[in-house]
Amino acid sequence: SALQPAETLSVGSVGYKVGHIVADEADVYVATTHHTSLWDTCAPEAILRAAGGDWVDLDGEPLNYRGPALNHGRGLLATNGASTADVVARLAGKFPVLD
């Protein structure tokens, strides 16, 4: 794996996964799918950012809630804020995602 995690968690919803980052129980959440809906991320993103975390797409760009698309077409990366640039660099070009 590009990240070589020490441990992985398989847990429920996007909000629950981000909750693990906010609670300092995880450092990173990566979603390589283009199927995650905007409404699945808007509230968890606000909570994560308030806690000092960061949420971007797999290109390192802020999530886009404008426009006709109802899904995040470039994947998702949520971090504790400290590792965003490093994780984006490690994942660069590893996962084809659709716009």
Protein backbone atom coordinates (compact mmCIF):
# COMPACT_ATOMS: atom_id res chain seq x y z
CA SER A 1 0.00 0.00 0.00
CA ALA A 2 1.15 3.55 -0.67
CA LEU A 3 0.56 4.50 2.96
CA GLN A 4 1.75 1.35 4.75
CA PRO A 5 -0.65 1.76 7.69
CA ALA A 6 0.22 0.24 11.04
CA GLU A 7 -3.44 -0.58 11.51
CA THR A 8 -6.66 -0.32 9.51
CA LEU A 9 -10.21 0.03 10.78
CA SER A 10 -13.32 -1.15 8.99
CA VAL A 11 -16.11 0.94 10.48
CA GLY A 12 -19.49 2.30 9.38
CA SER A 13 -20.44 5.60 7.86
CA VAL A 14 -18.27 8.48 6.67
CA GLY A 15 -19.24 10.44 9.79
CA TYR A 16 -18.24 7.56 12.06
CA LYS A 17 -14.89 7.21 10.29
CA VAL A 18 -14.20 10.92 10.65
CA GLY A 19 -15.25 10.69 14.29
CA HIS A 20 -12.32 8.35 14.85
CA ILE A 21 -9.98 11.04 13.54
CA VAL A 22 -11.60 13.73 15.70
CA ALA A 23 -11.30 11.45 18.76
CA ASP A 24 -7.59 10.89 17.93
CA GLU A 25 -8.23 7.19 17.36
CA ALA A 26 -7.18 7.37 13.68
CA ASP A 27 -5.03 9.69 11.58
CA VAL A 28 -6.33 9.26 8.03
CA TYR A 29 -9.45 8.23 6.12
CA VAL A 30 -9.11 7.57 2.38
CA ALA A 31 -12.03 6.88 0.04
CA THR A 32 -11.05 6.06 -3.52
CA THR A 33 -14.61 5.78 -4.76
CA HIS A 34 -16.51 8.47 -6.64
CA HIS A 35 -19.82 7.37 -5.11
CA THR A 36 -19.72 9.29 -1.80
CA SER A 37 -22.56 11.81 -1.76
CA LEU A 38 -22.17 15.46 -0.84
CA TRP A 39 -24.67 15.10 2.01
CA ASP A 40 -22.56 12.30 3.51
CA THR A 41 -19.60 14.64 4.00
CA CYS A 42 -20.83 18.18 4.71
CA ALA A 43 -21.49 17.83 8.47
CA PRO A 44 -18.51 15.53 9.17
CA GLU A 45 -16.26 17.96 7.30
CA ALA A 46 -17.40 20.86 9.50
CA ILE A 47 -16.71 18.83 12.66
CA LEU A 48 -13.32 17.63 11.41
CA ARG A 49 -12.20 21.13 10.43
CA ALA A 50 -13.34 22.55 13.79
CA ALA A 51 -11.15 19.92 15.46
CA GLY A 52 -8.11 20.97 13.38
CA GLY A 53 -8.37 18.29 10.75
CA ASP A 54 -8.30 18.60 7.00
CA TRP A 55 -10.56 17.22 4.27
CA VAL A 56 -9.66 17.32 0.58
CA ASP A 57 -10.05 15.23 -2.53
CA LEU A 58 -7.30 12.83 -3.62
CA ASP A 59 -5.68 15.63 -5.62
CA GLY A 60 -5.36 17.71 -2.44
CA GLU A 61 -8.09 20.15 -3.48
CA PRO A 62 -10.86 21.32 -1.12
CA LEU A 63 -14.12 19.42 -1.45
CA ASN A 64 -16.48 21.03 -3.93
CA TYR A 65 -20.13 21.37 -2.94
CA ARG A 66 -21.09 23.53 -5.94
CA GLY A 67 -22.44 22.43 -9.26
CA PRO A 68 -24.76 19.77 -10.52
CA ALA A 69 -22.79 16.72 -9.31
CA LEU A 70 -24.14 15.06 -6.16
CA ASN A 71 -21.01 12.95 -5.52
CA HIS A 72 -17.37 13.66 -4.81
CA GLY A 73 -15.82 12.55 -8.09
CA ARG A 74 -12.18 12.81 -7.05
CA GLY A 75 -12.27 10.63 -3.92
CA LEU A 76 -11.83 11.77 -0.35
CA LEU A 77 -8.99 12.25 2.10
CA ALA A 78 -9.66 13.22 5.70
CA THR A 79 -6.69 13.67 8.05
CA ASN A 80 -5.84 14.93 11.49
CA GLY A 81 -4.38 17.97 9.72
CA ALA A 82 -0.74 17.08 10.24
CA SER A 83 -0.31 14.60 7.40
CA THR A 84 -2.41 15.92 4.52
CA ALA A 85 0.39 16.98 2.16
CA ASP A 86 2.36 13.78 2.79
CA VAL A 87 -0.64 11.53 2.17
CA VAL A 88 -1.66 13.41 -1.00
CA ALA A 89 1.90 12.99 -2.31
CA ARG A 90 1.95 9.28 -1.50
CA LEU A 91 -1.41 8.68 -3.19
CA ALA A 92 -0.68 10.76 -6.30
CA GLY A 93 -1.63 8.78 -9.40
CA LYS A 94 -2.39 5.58 -7.46
CA PHE A 95 -6.18 5.65 -7.76
CA PRO A 96 -8.02 6.63 -10.91
CA VAL A 97 -11.14 8.50 -9.89
CA LEU A 98 -13.90 9.92 -12.05
CA ASP A 99 -15.13 13.48 -12.26
